[in-house]
């Protein structure tokens, strides 16, 4: 098992950020979102951040 000091996840998709952060969200979830939630549940220090997409 790998050990990390901190886990940081950034996404430009607000819906994904909400789905990952809310484990009680109703409806279907992708396998990836469920796996991310499992990993974060085992980490002591983590952050999840929505980052605006920069349009040029």
Protein backbone atom coordinates (compact mmCIF):
# COMPACT_ATOMS: atom_id res chain seq x y z
CA UNK A 1 0.00 0.00 0.00
CA UNK A 2 1.28 3.44 -0.90
CA UNK A 3 1.25 6.13 1.77
CA UNK A 4 0.64 9.78 0.93
CA UNK A 5 0.90 12.87 3.13
CA UNK A 6 -2.07 14.44 1.37
CA UNK A 7 -4.37 13.71 -1.57
CA UNK A 8 -5.60 16.56 -3.77
CA UNK A 9 -8.13 16.14 -6.56
CA UNK A 10 -9.00 18.99 -8.92
CA UNK A 11 -11.69 18.91 -11.59
CA UNK A 12 -13.29 21.38 -13.98
CA UNK A 13 -16.56 19.43 -13.80
CA UNK A 14 -18.70 20.68 -10.92
CA UNK A 15 -21.06 17.71 -11.13
CA UNK A 16 -18.19 15.29 -10.61
CA UNK A 17 -16.84 17.29 -7.66
CA UNK A 18 -20.28 17.23 -6.04
CA UNK A 19 -20.71 13.49 -6.68
CA UNK A 20 -17.32 12.66 -5.18
CA UNK A 21 -17.79 14.89 -2.13
CA UNK A 22 -21.31 13.70 -1.30
CA UNK A 23 -21.34 10.00 -0.49
CA UNK A 24 -25.11 10.13 0.04
CA UNK A 25 -25.93 11.38 -3.48
CA UNK A 26 -28.86 9.42 -4.89
CA UNK A 27 -28.82 7.83 -8.32
CA UNK A 28 -26.29 5.85 -10.26
CA UNK A 29 -22.59 6.54 -9.81
CA UNK A 30 -19.78 5.49 -12.04
CA UNK A 31 -17.35 2.88 -10.84
CA UNK A 32 -14.59 5.49 -10.90
CA UNK A 33 -16.49 7.86 -8.56
CA UNK A 34 -17.24 5.02 -6.13
CA UNK A 35 -13.56 3.97 -6.17
CA UNK A 36 -12.37 7.54 -5.55
CA UNK A 37 -14.77 7.76 -2.58
CA UNK A 38 -13.37 4.49 -1.18
CA UNK A 39 -9.79 5.74 -1.49
CA UNK A 40 -10.57 9.11 0.12
CA UNK A 41 -12.38 7.37 3.00
CA UNK A 42 -9.07 5.71 3.90
CA UNK A 43 -6.98 8.88 3.71
CA UNK A 44 -6.57 11.19 6.69
CA UNK A 45 -5.91 14.39 4.79
CA UNK A 46 -7.48 15.11 1.42
CA UNK A 47 -8.99 17.98 -0.53
CA UNK A 48 -11.34 18.16 -3.47
CA UNK A 49 -11.49 21.34 -5.50
CA UNK A 50 -13.55 22.68 -8.41
CA UNK A 51 -11.36 24.61 -10.85
CA UNK A 52 -12.93 26.81 -13.52
CA UNK A 53 -11.96 25.89 -17.05
CA UNK A 54 -10.10 28.75 -18.70
CA UNK A 55 -11.50 29.46 -22.15
CA UNK A 56 -9.16 31.06 -24.67
